[in-house]
Protein backbone atom coordinates (compact mmCIF):
# COMPACT_ATOMS: atom_id res chain seq x y z
CA MET A 1 -84.66 26.68 134.13
CA LEU A 2 -86.74 27.27 137.36
CA PHE A 3 -87.57 30.93 136.54
CA THR A 4 -89.30 29.99 133.28
CA ARG A 5 -91.75 27.90 135.27
CA LEU A 6 -92.45 30.16 138.09
CA SER A 7 -95.32 32.70 138.13
CA ASP A 8 -94.37 36.27 137.31
CA ASP A 9 -95.74 37.53 140.58
CA LEU A 10 -94.23 34.84 142.71
CA PHE A 11 -91.69 37.28 144.39
CA ARG A 12 -94.18 40.13 144.94
CA PRO A 13 -95.16 39.09 148.65
CA LEU A 14 -91.31 38.82 149.32
CA ALA A 15 -90.73 42.34 148.06
CA SER A 16 -93.83 44.05 149.54
CA PRO A 17 -93.92 46.09 152.85
CA SER A 18 -95.12 42.94 154.52
CA ARG A 19 -92.36 40.73 153.21
CA ALA A 20 -91.12 39.69 156.68
CA PHE A 21 -94.41 38.39 157.73
CA ASN A 22 -95.07 36.72 154.23
CA ALA A 23 -91.78 34.94 154.45
CA VAL A 24 -92.20 33.52 157.96
CA LEU A 25 -95.85 32.55 157.01
CA LEU A 26 -94.54 30.64 153.93
CA LEU A 27 -92.04 28.85 155.99
CA HIS A 28 -94.68 28.10 158.64
CA LEU A 29 -97.07 26.70 155.98
CA HIS A 30 -94.36 24.55 154.42
CA THR A 31 -92.87 23.11 157.65
CA ARG A 32 -95.83 22.87 159.98
CA VAL A 33 -99.18 23.16 158.18
CA PHE A 34 -98.45 21.03 154.97
CA GLY A 35 -95.56 19.26 156.55
CA ASP A 36 -95.28 15.60 155.43
CA THR A 37 -99.03 15.34 154.30
CA ALA A 38 -99.55 13.70 150.98
CA GLU A 39 -102.93 15.06 150.39
CA PRO A 40 -103.82 18.72 149.75
CA LEU A 41 -105.47 20.60 152.67
CA ARG A 42 -108.95 21.92 152.83
CA LYS A 43 -109.35 25.51 152.16
CA THR A 44 -111.17 26.03 155.56
CA GLU A 45 -108.24 24.34 157.41
CA LEU A 46 -105.65 26.39 155.68
CA LEU A 47 -107.53 29.66 156.43
CA ALA A 48 -107.76 28.71 160.06
CA ALA A 49 -104.07 27.96 160.12
CA ILE A 50 -103.42 31.34 158.56
CA GLY A 51 -105.60 32.98 161.14
CA ASP A 52 -103.92 31.50 163.99
CA PHE A 53 -100.51 32.40 162.87
CA SER A 54 -101.52 35.85 162.08
CA ALA A 55 -102.76 36.50 165.53
CA ASP A 56 -99.24 36.97 166.87
CA PHE A 57 -98.40 39.79 164.43
CA ALA A 58 -99.46 43.56 164.52
CA GLN A 59 -101.61 44.99 161.71
CA GLY A 60 -98.64 47.10 160.45
CA GLU A 61 -96.61 43.91 159.97
CA ILE A 62 -99.28 42.19 157.86
CA ALA A 63 -100.79 45.04 155.92
CA ASP A 64 -99.34 46.28 152.60
CA ASP A 65 -101.57 49.25 152.42
CA GLU A 66 -104.65 50.77 153.86
CA THR A 67 -106.88 48.36 152.04
CA THR A 68 -105.84 45.45 154.05
CA PRO A 69 -108.72 44.56 156.40
CA VAL A 70 -108.33 44.91 160.15
CA ASP A 71 -110.99 42.25 161.07
CA PRO A 72 -109.16 38.88 161.69
CA ILE A 73 -111.56 36.87 159.58
CA GLU A 74 -111.33 39.13 156.53
CA ARG A 75 -107.60 39.58 157.14
CA ARG A 76 -106.81 36.01 156.82
CA SER A 77 -108.66 35.73 153.63
CA ALA A 78 -106.74 38.69 152.18
CA VAL A 79 -103.45 37.06 153.06
CA TYR A 80 -104.56 33.77 151.50
CA ARG A 81 -105.71 35.69 148.41
CA ARG A 82 -102.27 37.39 148.28
CA LEU A 83 -100.42 34.10 148.27
CA LEU A 84 -102.80 32.53 145.80
CA ASP A 85 -102.59 35.37 143.35
CA ALA A 86 -98.85 35.41 143.56
CA GLY A 87 -98.64 31.72 142.57
CA TRP A 88 -97.46 30.23 145.81
CA LEU A 89 -100.64 28.29 146.30
CA VAL A 90 -102.92 26.34 144.03
CA GLU A 91 -106.63 25.92 144.69
CA ARG A 92 -108.81 23.19 143.13
CA ARG A 93 -111.99 21.26 143.91
CA GLU A 94 -112.27 17.56 144.86
CA ARG A 95 -115.87 16.40 144.91
CA TYR A 96 -117.18 19.97 145.40
CA VAL A 97 -114.70 20.46 148.28
CA PRO A 98 -112.19 23.26 147.77
CA VAL A 99 -108.61 22.10 148.64
CA VAL A 100 -105.30 24.00 148.47
CA ASP A 101 -101.74 22.88 147.99
CA PHE A 102 -98.41 24.53 147.24
CA ASP A 103 -97.52 25.02 143.56
CA PRO A 104 -95.11 22.31 142.40
CA GLU A 105 -92.40 24.80 141.19
CA ALA A 106 -92.90 27.15 144.03
CA ARG A 107 -92.43 24.22 146.48
CA ILE A 108 -89.02 23.70 145.17
CA LEU A 109 -88.19 27.34 145.94
CA ILE A 110 -89.69 27.22 149.35
CA GLU A 111 -87.63 24.12 150.23
CA GLU A 112 -84.40 25.91 149.28
CA LEU A 113 -85.56 28.85 151.42
CA ALA A 114 -86.20 26.66 154.30
CA ARG A 115 -82.85 25.11 153.96
CA LEU A 116 -81.20 28.49 154.11
CA ASP A 117 -83.32 29.47 157.10
CA ARG A 118 -82.18 26.42 159.00
CA GLY A 119 -78.56 27.71 158.86
CA GLU A 120 -75.28 27.28 156.81
CA THR A 121 -73.40 24.93 159.16
CA ARG A 122 -72.63 21.49 157.71
CA SER A 123 -70.89 18.46 159.08
CA TYR A 124 -67.59 18.17 157.37
CA GLY A 125 -66.94 14.55 158.65
CA GLY A 126 -70.43 13.50 157.31
CA ALA A 127 -69.66 15.05 153.84
CA VAL A 128 -66.28 13.37 153.53
CA LEU A 129 -67.58 10.03 154.75
CA ASP A 130 -70.51 10.27 152.33
CA VAL A 131 -68.03 10.62 149.44
CA LEU A 132 -65.71 7.92 150.72
CA GLY A 133 -68.52 5.41 151.24
CA SER A 134 -70.05 6.06 147.85
CA LEU A 135 -66.77 5.71 146.08
CA GLU A 136 -65.77 2.49 147.88
CA SER A 137 -69.25 0.99 147.05
CA ALA A 138 -68.91 1.85 143.37
CA ILE A 139 -65.41 0.49 143.07
CA ALA A 140 -66.09 -2.70 145.04
CA ASN A 141 -69.14 -3.55 143.06
CA PRO A 142 -69.09 -1.67 139.80
CA ALA A 143 -71.66 -3.80 138.14
CA ASP A 144 -74.48 -3.07 140.44
CA ARG A 145 -73.39 0.11 142.29
CA SER A 146 -72.20 2.37 139.50
CA GLU A 147 -74.80 4.99 140.55
CA ALA A 148 -72.84 5.47 143.86
CA LEU A 149 -69.99 6.99 141.78
CA VAL A 150 -72.34 9.62 140.45
CA ASN A 151 -73.50 10.29 143.96
CA ALA A 152 -69.96 10.60 145.12
CA ALA A 153 -69.16 13.17 142.43
CA LYS A 154 -72.27 15.03 143.33
CA SER A 155 -71.58 15.11 147.03
CA SER A 156 -67.97 16.33 146.28
CA ARG A 157 -69.33 19.27 144.29
CA ALA A 158 -71.83 20.22 147.02
CA PHE A 159 -69.15 20.01 149.59
CA LEU A 160 -66.72 22.22 147.54
CA SER A 161 -69.52 24.71 147.07
CA HIS A 162 -70.24 24.72 150.69
CA LEU A 163 -66.66 25.52 151.50
CA ARG A 164 -66.59 28.41 149.04
CA THR A 165 -69.83 29.71 150.59
CA LEU A 166 -68.46 29.45 154.05
CA ALA A 167 -65.36 31.53 153.15
CA GLY A 168 -67.63 34.17 151.47
CA SER A 169 -69.91 34.21 154.54
CA MET A 170 -67.05 34.70 156.90
CA ARG A 171 -65.57 37.59 154.92
CA LYS A 172 -68.99 39.23 154.98
CA ILE A 173 -69.34 38.88 158.64
CA GLU A 174 -65.74 40.15 159.12
CA ALA A 175 -66.66 43.26 157.21
CA ARG A 176 -69.69 43.87 159.46
CA ILE A 177 -67.65 43.36 162.56
CA LEU A 178 -65.03 45.92 161.47
CA ALA A 179 -67.76 48.40 160.55
CA GLN A 180 -69.18 48.35 164.10
CA GLU A 181 -68.28 51.53 166.03
CA ASP A 182 -69.77 50.15 169.28
CA GLN A 183 -67.42 47.41 170.80
CA ARG A 184 -70.20 45.71 172.54
CA ALA A 185 -72.15 45.38 169.25
CA ALA A 186 -69.07 44.14 167.58
CA PHE A 187 -68.45 41.54 170.40
CA ARG A 188 -72.17 40.46 170.07
CA LEU A 189 -71.90 40.07 166.38
CA TYR A 190 -68.66 38.07 166.65
CA PHE A 191 -69.99 35.59 169.03
CA ASP A 192 -73.64 35.32 167.84
CA GLU A 193 -72.95 35.29 164.06
CA PHE A 194 -69.44 34.15 163.53
CA VAL A 195 -68.66 31.85 166.45
CA ALA A 196 -72.10 30.30 166.98
CA ARG A 197 -72.94 30.04 163.18
CA HIS A 198 -69.68 29.01 161.67
CA ILE A 199 -66.96 28.03 164.30
CA VAL A 200 -69.03 26.06 166.79
CA SER A 201 -69.69 23.31 164.53
CA ASP A 202 -67.51 20.39 163.57
CA TYR A 203 -65.08 22.96 162.00
CA ARG A 204 -63.43 22.79 165.34
CA THR A 205 -62.60 19.16 164.75
CA LEU A 206 -60.29 20.23 161.80
CA HIS A 207 -57.64 21.01 164.35
CA THR A 208 -58.14 17.89 166.64
CA ARG A 209 -57.07 14.27 166.61
CA LEU A 210 -60.59 13.28 165.20
CA ASN A 211 -60.05 15.41 161.97
CA PRO A 212 -62.68 14.42 159.46
CA PHE A 213 -60.11 14.91 156.74
CA ARG A 214 -58.22 11.88 157.89
CA PHE A 215 -60.43 10.06 155.41
CA ARG A 216 -59.31 12.43 152.64
CA SER A 217 -56.23 10.27 151.74
CA GLY A 218 -58.59 7.26 151.25
CA ILE A 219 -60.67 9.07 148.85
CA VAL A 220 -57.64 10.32 146.84
CA ARG A 221 -56.21 6.75 146.93
CA GLU A 222 -59.53 5.02 145.88
CA ALA A 223 -60.14 7.50 142.99
CA GLY A 224 -56.55 7.28 141.66
CA ARG A 225 -56.60 3.45 141.84
CA ALA A 226 -59.79 3.45 139.93
CA LEU A 227 -58.45 5.78 137.20
CA ARG A 228 -55.51 3.46 136.68
CA ASP A 229 -57.57 0.26 136.46
CA PRO A 230 -58.96 -0.22 132.87
CA LEU A 231 -61.10 -3.19 134.13
CA THR A 232 -62.83 -1.14 136.74
CA LEU A 233 -63.38 1.75 134.39
CA ARG A 234 -64.94 -0.52 131.70
CA ALA A 235 -67.26 -2.28 134.36
CA LEU A 236 -68.46 1.04 135.56
CA ALA A 237 -68.93 2.25 132.05
CA GLU A 238 -70.90 -0.85 131.04
CA ALA A 239 -73.10 -0.47 134.17
CA GLY A 240 -73.78 3.10 133.24
CA LEU A 241 -74.55 2.14 129.74
CA ARG A 242 -77.12 -0.52 131.08
CA GLU A 243 -78.68 2.05 133.43
CA GLY A 244 -79.26 4.46 130.56
CA ARG A 245 -76.77 7.24 131.64
CA ALA A 246 -74.80 7.20 128.24
CA PRO A 247 -75.62 6.32 124.68
CA ASP A 248 -72.64 4.14 124.25
CA VAL A 249 -69.72 2.50 126.02
CA GLU A 250 -67.07 5.21 125.06
CA ALA A 251 -69.43 8.02 126.32
CA ALA A 252 -69.99 6.17 129.47
CA GLU A 253 -66.37 5.61 130.03
CA ARG A 254 -65.63 9.33 129.50
CA ALA A 255 -68.27 10.14 132.09
CA VAL A 256 -66.71 7.65 134.64
CA ARG A 257 -63.32 9.16 134.06
CA ALA A 258 -64.65 12.77 134.36
CA ASP A 259 -66.32 11.83 137.75
CA LEU A 260 -63.28 10.21 139.14
CA ALA A 261 -61.01 12.97 138.00
CA GLU A 262 -63.42 15.70 139.57
CA ILE A 263 -63.46 13.89 142.88
CA LEU A 264 -59.64 13.64 142.85
CA ALA A 265 -59.13 17.23 141.87
CA ILE A 266 -61.58 18.46 144.57
CA PHE A 267 -60.08 16.70 147.48
CA GLU A 268 -56.50 17.26 146.36
CA GLY A 269 -57.22 21.00 146.12
CA LEU A 270 -59.05 21.47 149.35
CA ASP A 271 -56.01 23.12 151.06
CA ARG A 272 -56.50 26.38 149.25
CA HIS A 273 -60.05 26.68 150.57
CA LEU A 274 -59.32 25.58 154.00
CA ASP A 275 -56.36 27.92 154.22
CA ALA A 276 -58.58 30.83 153.21
CA VAL A 277 -61.04 29.96 155.95
CA ALA A 278 -58.28 29.53 158.50
CA ASP A 279 -56.82 32.86 157.53
CA ILE A 280 -60.18 34.65 158.19
CA VAL A 281 -60.52 32.89 161.54
CA ALA A 282 -56.95 33.80 162.73
CA ARG A 283 -57.37 37.34 161.55
CA LEU A 284 -60.63 37.82 163.39
CA GLU A 285 -59.22 36.25 166.55
CA ARG A 286 -56.28 38.59 166.55
CA ARG A 287 -58.56 41.55 166.08
CA ILE A 288 -60.91 40.43 168.91
CA ALA A 289 -57.97 39.64 171.21
CA ALA A 290 -56.38 43.14 170.51
CA ALA A 291 -59.77 44.86 171.21
CA LEU A 292 -60.16 43.02 174.45
CA ARG A 293 -56.57 43.85 175.58
CA TYR A 294 -57.01 47.62 174.97
CA MET A 295 -60.76 47.96 175.72
CA ASP A 296 -60.13 48.93 179.42
CA HIS A 297 -58.15 52.10 179.23
CA ARG A 298 -55.55 52.71 182.05
CA ASP A 299 -56.66 54.89 184.82
CA SER A 300 -53.89 57.27 185.99
CA ASP A 301 -55.70 57.94 189.29
CA ARG A 302 -55.97 54.35 190.00
CA ILE A 303 -52.28 53.73 189.41
CA GLU A 304 -51.49 56.68 191.68
CA ARG A 305 -53.79 55.35 194.39
CA THR A 306 -52.27 52.03 194.25
CA ALA A 307 -48.59 53.45 194.34
CA ALA A 308 -49.63 55.51 197.33
CA ALA A 309 -50.95 52.46 199.21
CA LEU A 310 -47.72 50.55 198.39
CA ARG A 311 -45.66 53.43 199.78
CA ALA A 312 -47.88 53.70 202.93
CA VAL A 313 -47.37 49.85 203.55
CA ALA A 314 -43.66 50.06 202.97
CA GLY A 315 -43.34 53.00 205.48
CA ALA A 316 -45.28 51.11 208.31
CA ASP A 317 -42.43 48.87 209.58
CA ASP A 318 -44.24 48.07 212.79
CA ALA A 319 -47.36 46.90 211.09
CA LEU A 320 -45.66 44.32 208.97
CA GLU A 321 -45.02 42.04 211.92
CA ASP A 322 -48.72 41.60 212.53
CA MET A 323 -49.77 41.31 208.81
CA PRO A 324 -50.79 37.75 207.81
CA ALA A 325 -48.80 35.92 205.22
CA PRO A 326 -49.91 36.57 201.68
CA GLY A 327 -51.85 33.77 199.95
CA VAL A 328 -50.38 34.63 196.54
CA SER A 329 -46.65 34.70 195.93
CA LEU A 330 -45.52 37.68 193.99
CA LEU A 331 -42.57 35.72 192.60
CA ARG A 332 -44.94 33.17 191.01
CA PRO A 333 -47.72 34.99 189.16
CA PRO A 334 -51.04 33.27 188.74
CA ILE A 335 -51.13 33.74 184.98
CA GLY A 336 -48.51 31.89 182.95
CA PRO A 337 -47.79 30.81 179.33
CA ALA A 338 -50.58 28.39 179.36
CA GLN A 339 -53.15 31.21 179.70
CA LEU A 340 -51.56 33.56 177.19
CA TYR A 341 -53.01 33.89 173.69
CA ALA A 342 -51.11 31.97 171.02
CA PRO A 343 -51.73 32.50 167.30
CA ARG A 344 -53.17 29.59 165.31
CA PHE A 345 -50.57 27.45 163.53
CA LYS A 346 -51.06 26.64 159.87
CA ARG A 347 -51.52 23.09 158.92
CA PRO A 348 -48.50 21.53 157.08
CA PRO A 349 -49.04 20.95 153.42
CA MET A 350 -50.48 17.55 152.33
CA ASP A 351 -48.08 15.30 150.39
CA PHE A 352 -49.49 13.96 147.25
CA GLU A 353 -48.09 12.41 144.03
CA PRO A 354 -49.30 13.61 140.59
CA LEU A 355 -51.34 11.14 138.60
CA PRO A 356 -49.32 9.31 136.06
CA GLU A 357 -50.19 9.12 132.49
CA ILE A 358 -52.76 6.50 131.84
CA PHE A 359 -51.89 4.06 128.97
CA LEU A 360 -54.29 1.31 128.13
CA ASP A 361 -52.63 -2.11 128.11
CA PRO A 362 -53.04 -3.76 124.57
CA VAL A 363 -53.58 -7.15 126.30
CA ILE A 364 -56.56 -5.80 128.35
CA GLU A 365 -57.94 -4.11 125.33
CA ALA A 366 -57.73 -7.43 123.38
CA PHE A 367 -59.36 -9.22 126.26
CA ILE A 368 -62.26 -6.76 126.25
CA ALA A 369 -62.63 -6.93 122.59
CA ALA A 370 -62.67 -10.78 122.75
CA LYS A 371 -65.36 -10.70 125.49
CA ASP A 372 -67.42 -8.29 123.24
CA ALA A 373 -67.10 -10.63 120.26
CA PHE A 374 -68.01 -13.63 122.24
CA ARG A 375 -71.05 -11.82 123.64
CA HIS A 376 -72.07 -10.80 120.16
CA ARG A 377 -71.55 -14.36 118.91
CA VAL A 378 -73.72 -16.11 121.55
CA ALA A 379 -76.45 -13.40 121.53
CA VAL A 380 -79.67 -14.43 119.56
CA THR A 381 -81.43 -11.34 118.17
CA PRO A 382 -84.67 -11.12 116.11
CA ASP A 383 -82.64 -10.15 113.05
CA ARG A 384 -80.26 -12.97 113.37
CA MET A 385 -83.03 -15.59 113.77
CA SER A 386 -84.93 -14.13 110.86
CA ASP A 387 -81.95 -14.21 108.58
CA PHE A 388 -81.13 -17.84 109.68
CA VAL A 389 -84.79 -19.03 108.93
CA GLU A 390 -85.05 -17.16 105.61
CA GLU A 391 -81.83 -18.48 104.40
CA ARG A 392 -83.07 -22.12 104.99
CA LEU A 393 -86.58 -21.54 103.81
CA GLY A 394 -85.70 -20.03 100.40
CA ARG A 395 -88.85 -20.18 98.23
CA LYS A 396 -90.31 -22.92 100.25
CA GLY A 397 -93.16 -22.17 102.66
CA THR A 398 -92.30 -24.63 105.31
CA LEU A 399 -89.26 -26.09 106.91
CA ARG A 400 -88.88 -29.10 109.39
CA GLY A 401 -86.31 -28.92 112.04
CA SER A 402 -84.88 -32.31 111.04
CA GLN A 403 -84.10 -30.72 107.62
CA ILE A 404 -81.94 -27.95 108.90
CA PRO A 405 -78.21 -28.87 108.71
CA ILE A 406 -76.02 -27.75 111.57
CA THR A 407 -72.37 -26.95 110.45
CA ASP A 408 -70.92 -24.90 113.23
CA VAL A 409 -71.42 -23.45 116.58
CA ASP A 410 -72.98 -20.15 115.31
CA ALA A 411 -75.70 -22.08 113.59
CA PHE A 412 -76.29 -24.35 116.58
CA VAL A 413 -76.75 -21.16 118.83
CA VAL A 414 -79.66 -20.03 116.65
CA PHE A 415 -81.01 -23.46 116.03
CA GLN A 416 -81.51 -24.37 119.74
CA ARG A 417 -83.81 -21.35 120.07
CA LEU A 418 -85.91 -22.07 116.91
CA ARG A 419 -88.51 -24.04 119.02
CA GLU A 420 -89.45 -20.76 120.80
CA ILE A 421 -89.63 -18.54 117.71
CA ASP A 422 -93.23 -17.78 118.19
CA VAL A 423 -92.78 -16.47 121.79
CA LEU A 424 -89.36 -15.04 121.81
CA PHE A 425 -88.67 -11.33 121.79
CA ASP A 426 -92.22 -10.65 123.11
CA GLY A 427 -93.71 -12.48 120.08
CA SER A 428 -92.32 -10.05 117.53
CA LEU A 429 -91.64 -12.98 115.10
CA GLY A 430 -94.95 -14.59 115.61
CA SER A 431 -96.61 -12.54 112.97
CA ARG A 432 -93.97 -13.79 110.32
CA TYR A 433 -93.56 -17.41 111.26
CA ARG A 434 -95.92 -20.12 112.58
CA LEU A 435 -94.53 -23.00 114.66
CA ALA A 436 -96.09 -26.49 114.80
CA ARG A 437 -95.11 -29.76 116.65
CA VAL A 438 -94.72 -32.82 114.26
CA GLU A 439 -93.95 -36.46 114.84
CA GLY A 440 -90.46 -37.56 114.92
CA ARG A 441 -87.25 -36.31 116.45
CA VAL A 442 -84.37 -34.20 115.56
CA ALA A 443 -80.99 -35.89 116.06
CA ASN A 444 -78.20 -34.13 114.37
CA GLY A 445 -75.27 -34.66 116.63
CA TRP A 446 -75.67 -31.30 118.20
CA LEU A 447 -79.12 -31.59 119.78
CA ASP A 448 -81.74 -34.39 120.25
CA CYS A 449 -85.32 -33.09 120.69
CA PRO A 450 -88.78 -33.43 119.24
CA ASP A 451 -89.15 -32.45 115.59
CA PHE A 452 -91.08 -29.16 114.74
CA LEU A 453 -92.35 -27.40 111.68
CA ILE A 454 -91.67 -23.78 110.79
CA GLU A 455 -94.17 -22.07 108.35
CA ARG A 456 -93.91 -18.67 106.82
CA VAL A 457 -96.95 -16.60 107.41
CA ARG A 458 -98.33 -15.17 104.13
């Protein structure tokens, strides 16, 4: 848990009267001062950076109380001590020179705060393509790219969380707009917060020909195909076991199935979240359009003046002959259906087929079991080699290679590695057996090689 590692006073600067200044100062130090530097900064350099940044703020914005110094030199030291005591900064000495860096746990928090400060917009097309690319990579090369499946599931969860956050943020802004009594303030909030922050992104592409969700069917197809392919599941599980993500093959296969099922469920159920976002957008657009339509109240005096002018023109029969032809035809108004407001249409539902029940083919299970048995049979382990040697040595202390009978393939698999018994397995058997080269050759019908002598170390 992050909060069990953070300082108890870490949030004090963000809850004090100068919290606005402290927040922008922390973001400035994280992005500009420390930036991408690998080494900590000298304390004098950091104090100078704090002083330069504080010069653009008034004393009332920086001070928490009357004890905060007014002098710029003393004030920057007070601000530095404020962040140091709260646990945001860590000071130490390197060769008698004081250096400062962000606390490691506090850096995780400031990175999240910086991400929130940059905004909530996200590329839908990039998120969908990220999931599709990782999923295709894992399925095409399951032995070496199984980690891509984990990344695809992680990206899917992050994308779903972003959609939920987006709908919640839109509802919050909608409530703020409806609570505004001043129409100008409501319009400003609508265009600055709602349109610029959420709509003018590639959300607009959801209703265009370049819809990023055109790749969604590919994700559903690839995930469903992998779930129905036992060989792909086993290959991904074995790769996950080799990479240490599961204790055994069964647990690794369960994890693979869970990741694929989660990706499939997320992208098959996106319509509910997208419909919620579309309903909020359509509702707000209707409210704004209605407000614009009725914002300018009818002026009865203006109508009367216009009617009087039309009656005067109609009564002047002699003046009509000298009037120029009108440039606009009253029979063809300049505003037509193309300019009228049209409500947003809902997308048609996506057709998908439910996943069938998965039944493992006994032939495939037998093939996998045969591969496992073959792999176990040809693998030479320290225990297997030690049992082989002890069975032939018995009570004798030494054993020549030419004296070892080879009766089957299992014995031959171990026998051909006996000449390396002192160096195999990082030399773990070198403390139990000593190997020596002797004259003569071993010719037993299975192998022809120089003879050797194995001696038990007492």
